Every structure is written in structure tokens, then in C-alpha cells.
C-alpha atoms as a PDB file:
ATOM      1  CA  MET A   1      -1.132  -1.168  12.037  1.00  0.00           C
ATOM      2  CA  CYS A   2      -2.249  -4.531  10.643  1.00  0.00           C
ATOM      3  CA  MET A   3      -4.671  -4.250   7.730  1.00  0.00           C
ATOM      4  CA  PHE A   4      -7.239  -6.592   6.194  1.00  0.00           C
ATOM      5  CA  LYS A   5      -6.095  -9.097   4.959  1.00  0.00           C
ATOM      6  CA  SER A   6      -2.871  -9.816   6.843  1.00  0.00           C
ATOM      7  CA  GLY A   7      -0.674 -12.865   6.812  1.00  0.00           C
ATOM      8  CA  ILE A   8       2.798 -14.242   7.496  1.00  0.00           C
ATOM      9  CA  ILE A   9       4.917 -15.537   4.616  1.00  0.00           C
ATOM     10  CA  LEU A  10       7.337 -18.296   5.549  1.00  0.00           C
ATOM     11  CA  LYS A  11       9.835 -19.935   3.221  1.00  0.00           C
ATOM     12  CA  ASP A  12       7.697 -23.056   2.823  1.00  0.00           C
ATOM     13  CA  ARG A  13       4.131 -21.739   3.313  1.00  0.00           C
ATOM     14  CA  VAL A  14       1.850 -18.729   3.864  1.00  0.00           C
ATOM     15  CA  PHE A  15      -0.142 -18.364   7.085  1.00  0.00           C
ATOM     16  CA  VAL A  16      -3.490 -16.513   6.726  1.00  0.00           C
ATOM     17  CA  PRO A  17      -5.784 -16.927   9.777  1.00  0.00           C
ATOM     18  CA  ASP A  18      -9.129 -15.259  10.525  1.00  0.00           C
ATOM     19  CA  TYR A  19      -7.559 -12.417  12.481  1.00  0.00           C
ATOM     20  CA  ASP A  20      -5.215  -9.672  11.230  1.00  0.00           C
ATOM     21  CA  HIS A  21      -2.664  -9.111  14.006  1.00  0.00           C
ATOM     22  CA  HIS A  22       0.842 -10.118  12.971  1.00  0.00           C
ATOM     23  CA  THR A  23       2.058 -10.379  16.569  1.00  0.00           C
ATOM     24  CA  ASP A  24      -0.656 -12.919  17.364  1.00  0.00           C
ATOM     25  CA  MET A  25       0.190 -14.852  14.196  1.00  0.00           C
ATOM     26  CA  LEU A  26       3.861 -15.150  15.139  1.00  0.00           C
ATOM     27  CA  GLU A  27       2.861 -16.258  18.626  1.00  0.00           C
ATOM     28  CA  GLU A  28       0.549 -18.933  17.191  1.00  0.00           C
ATOM     29  CA  LEU A  29       3.321 -20.088  14.867  1.00  0.00           C
ATOM     30  CA  GLY A  30       5.749 -20.284  17.779  1.00  0.00           C
ATOM     31  CA  ILE A  31       8.161 -17.810  16.178  1.00  0.00           C
ATOM     32  CA  GLU A  32       9.834 -15.174  18.321  1.00  0.00           C
ATOM     33  CA  ASP A  33       9.356 -11.660  16.952  1.00  0.00           C
ATOM     34  CA  ASN A  34      12.971 -10.503  16.764  1.00  0.00           C
ATOM     35  CA  TRP A  35      15.481  -9.090  14.262  1.00  0.00           C
ATOM     36  CA  THR A  36      17.180 -12.426  13.522  1.00  0.00           C
ATOM     37  CA  ASN A  37      13.923 -14.206  12.672  1.00  0.00           C
ATOM     38  CA  ALA A  38      12.730 -11.275  10.533  1.00  0.00           C
ATOM     39  CA  GLU A  39      15.964 -11.593   8.531  1.00  0.00           C
ATOM     40  CA  THR A  40      15.626 -15.333   8.068  1.00  0.00           C
ATOM     41  CA  LYS A  41      12.208 -16.845   8.843  1.00  0.00           C
ATOM     42  CA  PHE A  42       9.185 -14.625   8.247  1.00  0.00           C
ATOM     43  CA  ILE A  43       7.676 -11.670   6.381  1.00  0.00           C
ATOM     44  CA  ARG A  44       4.701  -9.680   7.662  1.00  0.00           C
ATOM     45  CA  VAL A  45       2.465  -8.926   4.689  1.00  0.00           C
ATOM     46  CA  GLU A  46      -0.962  -7.534   3.862  1.00  0.00           C
ATOM     47  CA  LEU A  47      -3.253  -7.826   0.867  1.00  0.00           C
ATOM     48  CA  ILE A  48      -5.503  -4.762   1.000  1.00  0.00           C
ATOM     49  CA  PRO A  49      -8.735  -4.559  -1.062  1.00  0.00           C
ATOM     50  CA  PRO A  50      -9.305  -1.337  -3.028  1.00  0.00           C
ATOM     51  CA  ASN A  51     -11.684   1.049  -1.228  1.00  0.00           C
ATOM     52  CA  ASN A  52     -11.996  -1.583   1.514  1.00  0.00           C
ATOM     53  CA  ASP A  53     -14.169  -3.637  -0.849  1.00  0.00           C
ATOM     54  CA  MET A  54     -13.469  -7.193   0.250  1.00  0.00           C
ATOM     55  CA  PHE A  55     -15.817  -8.446  -2.493  1.00  0.00           C
ATOM     56  CA  SER A  56     -13.563  -7.162  -5.286  1.00  0.00           C
ATOM     57  CA  PRO A  57     -11.343  -9.643  -7.215  1.00  0.00           C
ATOM     58  CA  ILE A  58      -8.452 -10.624  -4.963  1.00  0.00           C
ATOM     59  CA  GLU A  59      -5.981 -10.270  -7.844  1.00  0.00           C
ATOM     60  CA  THR A  60      -6.624  -6.497  -7.713  1.00  0.00           C
ATOM     61  CA  TRP A  61      -5.771  -6.133  -4.011  1.00  0.00           C
ATOM     62  CA  LYS A  62      -2.666  -4.157  -3.059  1.00  0.00           C
ATOM     63  CA  PHE A  63       0.281  -6.174  -1.751  1.00  0.00           C
ATOM     64  CA  ASN A  64       2.121  -4.562   1.159  1.00  0.00           C
ATOM     65  CA  VAL A  65       5.152  -5.730   3.150  1.00  0.00           C
ATOM     66  CA  ASP A  66       4.908  -4.579   6.765  1.00  0.00           C
ATOM     67  CA  GLN A  67       8.567  -4.785   7.844  1.00  0.00           C
ATOM     68  CA  ASP A  68      11.826  -3.150   6.832  1.00  0.00           C
ATOM     69  CA  ILE A  69      14.225  -6.086   7.026  1.00  0.00           C
ATOM     70  CA  LEU A  70      13.634  -9.089   4.757  1.00  0.00           C
ATOM     71  CA  PRO A  71      15.002 -12.630   4.342  1.00  0.00           C
ATOM     72  CA  ASP A  72      17.314 -13.173   1.382  1.00  0.00           C
ATOM     73  CA  TRP A  73      14.857 -15.725  -0.085  1.00  0.00           C
ATOM     74  CA  TYR A  74      12.137 -13.044  -0.535  1.00  0.00           C
ATOM     75  CA  VAL A  75      11.132 -12.341  -4.160  1.00  0.00           C
ATOM     76  CA  LYS A  76       8.349  -9.763  -4.429  1.00  0.00           C
ATOM     77  CA  GLU A  77       6.566 -11.120  -7.527  1.00  0.00           C
ATOM     78  CA  VAL A  78       6.725 -14.720  -6.328  1.00  0.00           C
ATOM     79  CA  ASP A  79       5.681 -13.995  -2.772  1.00  0.00           C
ATOM     80  CA  ARG A  80       2.874 -11.693  -3.851  1.00  0.00           C
ATOM     81  CA  ASP A  81       1.469 -14.558  -5.912  1.00  0.00           C
ATOM     82  CA  ARG A  82       1.823 -16.867  -2.909  1.00  0.00           C
ATOM     83  CA  MET A  83      -0.095 -14.398  -0.714  1.00  0.00           C
ATOM     84  CA  VAL A  84      -2.845 -13.963  -3.325  1.00  0.00           C
ATOM     85  CA  SER A  85      -3.242 -17.728  -3.530  1.00  0.00           C
ATOM     86  CA  ALA A  86      -3.400 -18.057   0.267  1.00  0.00           C
ATOM     87  CA  VAL A  87      -6.001 -15.285   0.631  1.00  0.00           C
ATOM     88  CA  LYS A  88      -8.091 -16.878  -2.118  1.00  0.00           C
ATOM     89  CA  GLY A  89      -8.065 -20.110  -0.151  1.00  0.00           C
ATOM     90  CA  TRP A  90      -9.133 -18.251   3.000  1.00  0.00           C
ATOM     91  CA  ALA A  91     -11.834 -16.309   1.118  1.00  0.00           C
ATOM     92  CA  LYS A  92     -13.502 -19.497  -0.168  1.00  0.00           C
ATOM     93  CA  GLU A  93     -14.505 -20.221   3.427  1.00  0.00           C
ATOM     94  CA  HIS A  94     -15.150 -16.657   4.623  1.00  0.00           C
ATOM     95  CA  ILE A  95     -16.359 -14.388   1.806  1.00  0.00           C
ATOM     96  CA  PHE A  96     -19.650 -15.272   0.112  1.00  0.00           C
ATOM     97  CA  ILE A  97     -21.437 -13.522  -2.749  1.00  0.00           C
ATOM     98  CA  ASP A  98     -24.908 -14.434  -4.068  1.00  0.00           C
ATOM     99  CA  LYS A  99     -25.061 -17.676  -2.096  1.00  0.00           C
ATOM    100  CA  SER A 100     -28.177 -19.014  -0.364  1.00  0.00           C
ATOM    101  CA  ASP A 101     -29.247 -21.594   2.215  1.00  0.00           C
ATOM    102  CA  PHE A 102     -26.048 -22.340   4.108  1.00  0.00           C
ATOM    103  CA  THR A 103     -24.724 -22.343   7.663  1.00  0.00           C
ATOM    104  CA  ILE A 104     -21.536 -20.827   9.036  1.00  0.00           C
ATOM    105  CA  GLY A 105     -19.868 -21.601  12.345  1.00  0.00           C
ATOM    106  CA  GLU A 106     -17.177 -19.971  14.444  1.00  0.00           C
ATOM    107  CA  GLY A 107     -15.034 -17.433  12.619  1.00  0.00           C
ATOM    108  CA  THR A 108     -15.349 -14.170  10.702  1.00  0.00           C
ATOM    109  CA  TYR A 109     -17.457 -13.957   7.545  1.00  0.00           C
ATOM    110  CA  TYR A 110     -18.378 -11.376   4.909  1.00  0.00           C
ATOM    111  CA  LEU A 111     -21.676 -11.775   3.055  1.00  0.00           C
ATOM    112  CA  LYS A 112     -22.962  -9.916   0.014  1.00  0.00           C
ATOM    113  CA  ASN A 113     -26.470 -10.520  -1.277  1.00  0.00           C
ATOM    114  CA  CYS A 114     -26.647 -13.876   0.472  1.00  0.00           C
ATOM    115  CA  LYS A 115     -30.004 -15.356   1.494  1.00  0.00           C
ATOM    116  CA  ARG A 116     -31.099 -17.466   4.429  1.00  0.00           C
ATOM    117  CA  VAL A 117     -27.740 -17.782   6.189  1.00  0.00           C
ATOM    118  CA  ALA A 118     -27.635 -19.277   9.685  1.00  0.00           C
ATOM    119  CA  CYS A 119     -24.644 -18.384  11.852  1.00  0.00           C
ATOM    120  CA  HIS A 120     -23.545 -19.841  15.187  1.00  0.00           C
ATOM    121  CA  SER A 121     -20.991 -18.030  17.368  1.00  0.00           C
ATOM    122  CA  SER A 122     -19.867 -16.194  14.232  1.00  0.00           C
ATOM    123  CA  THR A 123     -18.788 -12.665  13.403  1.00  0.00           C
ATOM    124  CA  VAL A 124     -20.591 -11.546  10.244  1.00  0.00           C
ATOM    125  CA  LYS A 125     -20.637  -8.434   8.079  1.00  0.00           C
ATOM    126  CA  ALA A 126     -23.703  -8.524   5.818  1.00  0.00           C
ATOM    127  CA  TYR A 127     -24.128  -6.236   2.802  1.00  0.00           C
ATOM    128  CA  ASP A 128     -26.693  -5.458   0.115  1.00  0.00           C
ATOM    129  CA  SER A 129     -29.842  -7.543   0.594  1.00  0.00           C
ATOM    130  CA  SER A 130     -28.341 -10.357   2.679  1.00  0.00           C
ATOM    131  CA  THR A 131     -30.512 -12.350   5.077  1.00  0.00           C
ATOM    132  CA  VAL A 132     -28.874 -13.674   8.249  1.00  0.00           C
ATOM    133  CA  GLU A 133     -30.122 -15.603  11.274  1.00  0.00           C
ATOM    134  CA  ALA A 134     -27.742 -15.207  14.220  1.00  0.00           C
ATOM    135  CA  TYR A 135     -27.590 -17.683  17.115  1.00  0.00           C
ATOM    136  CA  ASP A 136     -25.551 -18.236  20.250  1.00  0.00           C
ATOM    137  CA  SER A 137     -23.136 -15.332  20.765  1.00  0.00           C
ATOM    138  CA  SER A 138     -22.861 -14.257  17.123  1.00  0.00           C
ATOM    139  CA  THR A 139     -21.981 -10.693  16.158  1.00  0.00           C
ATOM    140  CA  VAL A 140     -23.532  -9.240  12.996  1.00  0.00           C
ATOM    141  CA  LYS A 141     -23.009  -5.893  11.269  1.00  0.00           C
ATOM    142  CA  ALA A 142     -25.797  -5.337   8.749  1.00  0.00           C
ATOM    143  CA  TYR A 143     -25.561  -2.772   5.945  1.00  0.00           C
ATOM    144  CA  ASP A 144     -27.702  -1.605   3.041  1.00  0.00           C
ATOM    145  CA  SER A 145     -31.038  -3.470   3.066  1.00  0.00           C
ATOM    146  CA  SER A 146     -29.867  -6.570   4.947  1.00  0.00           C
ATOM    147  CA  THR A 147     -32.231  -8.500   7.215  1.00  0.00           C
ATOM    148  CA  VAL A 148     -31.098 -10.091  10.479  1.00  0.00           C
ATOM    149  CA  LYS A 149     -32.850 -12.303  13.039  1.00  0.00           C
ATOM    150  CA  ALA A 150     -30.865 -12.416  16.267  1.00  0.00           C
ATOM    151  CA  TYR A 151     -31.299 -15.028  18.996  1.00  0.00           C
ATOM    152  CA  ASP A 152     -29.688 -15.948  22.298  1.00  0.00           C
ATOM    153  CA  SER A 153     -27.065 -13.335  23.221  1.00  0.00           C
ATOM    154  CA  SER A 154     -26.259 -12.169  19.696  1.00  0.00           C
ATOM    155  CA  THR A 155     -25.120  -8.609  18.990  1.00  0.00           C
ATOM    156  CA  VAL A 156     -26.276  -6.711  15.905  1.00  0.00           C
ATOM    157  CA  LYS A 157     -25.243  -3.347  14.466  1.00  0.00           C
ATOM    158  CA  ALA A 158     -27.806  -2.280  11.857  1.00  0.00           C
ATOM    159  CA  CYS A 159     -27.023   0.483   9.355  1.00  0.00           C
ATOM    160  CA  HIS A 160     -28.713   2.073   6.364  1.00  0.00           C
ATOM    161  CA  SER A 161     -32.133   0.461   5.826  1.00  0.00           C
ATOM    162  CA  SER A 162     -31.430  -2.848   7.543  1.00  0.00           C
ATOM    163  CA  THR A 163     -34.171  -4.791   9.321  1.00  0.00           C
ATOM    164  CA  VAL A 164     -33.568  -6.642  12.588  1.00  0.00           C
ATOM    165  CA  LYS A 165     -35.693  -8.953  14.733  1.00  0.00           C
ATOM    166  CA  ALA A 166     -34.058  -9.470  18.124  1.00  0.00           C
ATOM    167  CA  TYR A 167     -34.977 -12.233  20.555  1.00  0.00           C
ATOM    168  CA  ASP A 168     -33.846 -13.512  23.949  1.00  0.00           C
ATOM    169  CA  SER A 169     -31.078 -11.265  25.329  1.00  0.00           C
ATOM    170  CA  SER A 170     -29.818  -9.913  22.008  1.00  0.00           C
ATOM    171  CA  THR A 171     -28.261  -6.439  21.761  1.00  0.00           C
ATOM    172  CA  VAL A 172     -28.971  -4.159  18.783  1.00  0.00           C
ATOM    173  CA  LYS A 173     -27.570  -0.787  17.746  1.00  0.00           C
ATOM    174  CA  ALA A 174     -29.717   0.687  14.991  1.00  0.00           C
ATOM    175  CA  TYR A 175     -28.592   3.556  12.764  1.00  0.00           C
ATOM    176  CA  ASP A 176     -29.891   5.519   9.781  1.00  0.00           C
ATOM    177  CA  SER A 177     -33.359   4.277   8.764  1.00  0.00           C
ATOM    178  CA  SER A 178     -33.065   0.779  10.218  1.00  0.00           C
ATOM    179  CA  THR A 179     -36.125  -1.049  11.536  1.00  0.00           C
ATOM    180  CA  VAL A 180     -35.959  -3.178  14.687  1.00  0.00           C
ATOM    181  CA  GLU A 181     -38.419  -5.496  16.404  1.00  0.00           C
ATOM    182  CA  ALA A 182     -37.158  -6.375  19.884  1.00  0.00           C
ATOM    183  CA  TYR A 183     -38.582  -9.234  21.961  1.00  0.00           C
ATOM    184  CA  ASP A 184     -37.916 -10.906  25.304  1.00  0.00           C
ATOM    185  CA  SER A 185     -35.110  -9.092  27.149  1.00  0.00           C
ATOM    186  CA  SER A 186     -33.395  -7.545  24.125  1.00  0.00           C
ATOM    187  CA  THR A 187     -31.568  -4.220  24.406  1.00  0.00           C
ATOM    188  CA  VAL A 188     -31.717  -1.629  21.609  1.00  0.00           C
ATOM    189  CA  GLU A 189     -29.963   1.681  20.980  1.00  0.00           C
ATOM    190  CA  ALA A 190     -31.782   3.570  18.216  1.00  0.00           C
ATOM    191  CA  TRP A 191     -30.074   6.384  16.273  1.00  0.00           C
ATOM    192  CA  GLY A 192     -30.816   8.429  13.164  1.00  0.00           C
ATOM    193  CA  SER A 193     -34.349   7.854  11.927  1.00  0.00           C
ATOM    194  CA  SER A 194     -34.557   4.262  13.135  1.00  0.00           C
ATOM    195  CA  THR A 195     -37.915   2.700  14.000  1.00  0.00           C
ATOM    196  CA  VAL A 196     -38.198   0.285  16.931  1.00  0.00           C
ATOM    197  CA  GLU A 197     -41.015  -1.919  18.187  1.00  0.00           C
ATOM    198  CA  ALA A 198     -40.153  -3.252  21.641  1.00  0.00           C
ATOM    199  CA  TRP A 199     -41.958  -6.211  23.210  1.00  0.00           C
ATOM    200  CA  GLY A 200     -41.617  -8.310  26.328  1.00  0.00           C
ATOM    201  CA  SER A 201     -39.115  -6.813  28.741  1.00  0.00           C
ATOM    202  CA  SER A 202     -36.983  -5.168  26.058  1.00  0.00           C
ATOM    203  CA  THR A 203     -35.103  -1.934  26.753  1.00  0.00           C
ATOM    204  CA  VAL A 204     -34.705   0.852  24.174  1.00  0.00           C
ATOM    205  CA  GLU A 205     -32.592   4.009  24.201  1.00  0.00           C
ATOM    206  CA  ALA A 206     -33.841   6.530  21.636  1.00  0.00           C
ATOM    207  CA  TRP A 207     -31.515   9.062  19.985  1.00  0.00           C
ATOM    208  CA  GLY A 208     -31.624  11.277  16.906  1.00  0.00           C
ATOM    209  CA  SER A 209     -35.079  11.227  15.328  1.00  0.00           C
ATOM    210  CA  SER A 210     -35.845   7.591  16.155  1.00  0.00           C
ATOM    211  CA  THR A 211     -39.390   6.367  16.765  1.00  0.00           C
ATOM    212  CA  VAL A 212     -40.311   3.749  19.349  1.00  0.00           C
ATOM    213  CA  GLU A 213     -43.428   1.702  20.069  1.00  0.00           C
ATOM    214  CA  ALA A 214     -43.185  -0.045  23.426  1.00  0.00           C
ATOM    215  CA  TRP A 215     -45.368  -3.062  24.257  1.00  0.00           C
ATOM    216  CA  GLY A 216     -45.655  -5.540  27.114  1.00  0.00           C
ATOM    217  CA  SER A 217     -43.376  -4.452  29.950  1.00  0.00           C
ATOM    218  CA  ALA A 218     -40.797  -2.849  27.657  1.00  0.00           C
ATOM    219  CA  ILE A 219     -38.907   0.219  28.887  1.00  0.00           C
ATOM    220  CA  ALA A 220     -38.042   3.128  26.591  1.00  0.00           C
ATOM    221  CA  PHE A 221     -35.425   5.705  27.570  1.00  0.00           C
ATOM    222  CA  ILE A 222     -34.846   9.193  26.264  1.00  0.00           C
ATOM    223  CA  PRO A 223     -31.249   9.573  27.505  1.00  0.00           C
ATOM    224  CA  LYS A 224     -29.920  12.876  28.782  1.00  0.00           C
ATOM    225  CA  GLY A 225     -28.820  14.900  25.762  1.00  0.00           C
ATOM    226  CA  SER A 226     -31.062  13.053  23.293  1.00  0.00           C
ATOM    227  CA  MET A 227     -33.145  15.240  20.966  1.00  0.00           C
ATOM    228  CA  VAL A 228     -35.958  12.675  20.744  1.00  0.00           C
ATOM    229  CA  LYS A 229     -39.348  14.113  21.701  1.00  0.00           C
ATOM    230  CA  ARG A 230     -41.738  12.339  24.035  1.00  0.00           C
ATOM    231  CA  GLU A 231     -44.320  12.291  21.237  1.00  0.00           C
ATOM    232  CA  SER A 232     -42.033   9.919  19.303  1.00  0.00           C
ATOM    233  CA  ILE A 233     -42.505   7.245  21.965  1.00  0.00           C
ATOM    234  CA  VAL A 234     -45.799   5.336  21.935  1.00  0.00           C
ATOM    235  CA  LEU A 235     -46.570   3.367  25.097  1.00  0.00           C
ATOM    236  CA  MET A 236     -48.839   0.327  24.955  1.00  0.00           C
ATOM    237  CA  GLU A 237     -49.925  -2.252  27.545  1.00  0.00           C
ATOM    238  CA  ASN A 238     -47.681  -1.931  30.640  1.00  0.00           C
ATOM    239  CA  SER A 239     -44.668  -0.267  29.026  1.00  0.00           C
ATOM    240  CA  THR A 240     -42.698   2.580  30.601  1.00  0.00           C
ATOM    241  CA  LEU A 241     -40.949   5.706  29.311  1.00  0.00           C
ATOM    242  CA  LYS A 242     -38.150   7.376  31.251  1.00  0.00           C
ATOM    243  CA  ASP A 243     -37.373  10.880  29.961  1.00  0.00           C
ATOM    244  CA  CYS A 244     -33.955  11.653  31.433  1.00  0.00           C
ATOM    245  CA  ASN A 245     -33.992  15.201  30.048  1.00  0.00           C
ATOM    246  CA  THR A 246     -37.111  16.237  31.958  1.00  0.00           C
ATOM    247  CA  LYS A 247     -36.712  13.614  34.716  1.00  0.00           C
ATOM    248  CA  THR A 248     -40.241  12.431  33.965  1.00  0.00           C
ATOM    249  CA  LEU A 249     -41.600   8.907  34.191  1.00  0.00           C
ATOM    250  CA  TYR A 250     -44.513   7.866  31.960  1.00  0.00           C
ATOM    251  CA  GLN A 251     -46.411   4.658  32.590  1.00  0.00           C
ATOM    252  CA  SER A 252     -48.982   2.895  30.414  1.00  0.00           C
ATOM    253  CA  GLY A 253     -51.471   0.298  31.605  1.00  0.00           C
ATOM    254  CA  ASP A 254     -52.761  -0.535  35.065  1.00  0.00           C
ATOM    255  CA  TRP A 255     -49.570  -0.245  37.098  1.00  0.00           C
ATOM    256  CA  LYS A 256     -49.745   1.824  40.265  1.00  0.00           C
ATOM    257  CA  LEU A 257     -47.349   4.634  41.112  1.00  0.00           C
ATOM    258  CA  VAL A 258     -46.168   4.721  44.714  1.00  0.00           C
ATOM    259  CA  ILE A 259     -44.353   7.852  45.854  1.00  0.00           C
ATOM    260  CA  ILE A 260     -42.021   7.409  48.811  1.00  0.00           C
ATOM    261  CA  ASP A 261     -41.212  10.607  50.704  1.00  0.00           C
ATOM    262  CA  ASP A 262     -37.664  11.164  51.907  1.00  0.00           C
END
């Protein structure tokens, strides 16, 4: 299994892309994955951060060779240093700590305590008290007390005490004690003790001990098997609650209920 951060060592250079699949790397390099080439042309390697902490000093990461046969030009100490240098070069563009007011584009990024970061079509993991604005089809995983604003068709996974504001057709999964404000046609799954305010035509599924306030024409669901109580869902304006456990529909506002007999 390929680990973070993987690469391919060649005799004249080290290849470290955004992704971590060695097979895809060899395909991109145009090298056939066979015994002869493994003996002469390439080495699958990984530089693994301790405790999966990608913000730790790269010099402390564990060097691992992910193949049994090796070229005769391989020297462990030399090639480890080459891999460390290559990962450092990659990290300068993908791992950010305590940086503010910058924009990231396509690719995968790791942020720690970064403020006011705008991302476009990016994949981001945000930690500590990072602040991220996600656009286009970005994917963000927010941890600790991170704050995310998601637009367009962005996808956000919020954990711990993260805060998310979702717009347009964004998708949010909220865990632990996360707080979510959902607007437009956003979709939210709330778990743990998450708190959700849903506006517009947003849709919310409530699990665990989550709390939901539904406004506008938002729809809240208590899915079958969820332990959420109806009293945890507050309906305002023309919002709707569907309790799949009791097969009960609750409607706020001035909408009319029409019952059609079979």
C-alpha cells in the first residue's frame, strides 16, 4: 500500500507528484512496471511522517523502500537524502504553516493555522485554527477549530469544533461539535453534537445528538435508525421535517397538505 509521501527514485532524479500511487507514477513516467526495470531504472519509495503529522520536520520522516529488488546504483544514505530534498521541494508548494492571505489552485494542500486562504478546485486538509474559502469543486477536510466557507459545488468534512458556511450546491458532513450554516441548495449530514442552521432549499440529515434549525424552504430529515429527537429540529418559515423513524411529516408556515387516497 502506498503511503504519504510516496515517490519514484530514478538514477538522475526523484519524482514526487501530488498523488501517492506508485503504479500511476510509473505510468506517468512512461516506465513499464516489470522486473527488469525494477532492477535497473526505478525504486518505489516513501517518506512517512511520524504519527501521520505532515507538519513535522521532513528530516524526521521515516524512509521506506517499497520493493524487494533494487538497481545496483542504489545507495540508501544517498537516496534517502535525495528523497528528503524532493519532498521538501514538494512541501514548499503544498504544506503551509502559519501563513495568511494567499490563494491555492488545483492540487492537494495541507494547512495548519493558516488564515484567509482561498482555494479553487483544490483538495485541502485544514488544521488548528485555519480559515479557508473553498470555490469551484474544492474538497476541504476541516479539523480542530478551523473555519471554512464553501461555494459552488465544494465538499466539506468538518470535525471537532470546526465552523462551516455552505453556499450554492455545497455538500457538508459535520461531526463532533461542528457548526454549519447551509444556504441555497446545500446538503448537510450532521453527526455527533453538531449544530446546523439550514436556509434556502438546503437539505439536512440529522444523526447522533445534532441540532437543526431549518429556515426558508429547507428540508430536515431524521433518517431511519437515527437517535435524533423531533424536539431537536426547529422549523421556521416554510421548512419541512421528515421523520423516517415514525413516518411523520412536519410542515411549518402556510403550505397546504393535500392527502391523496389510493
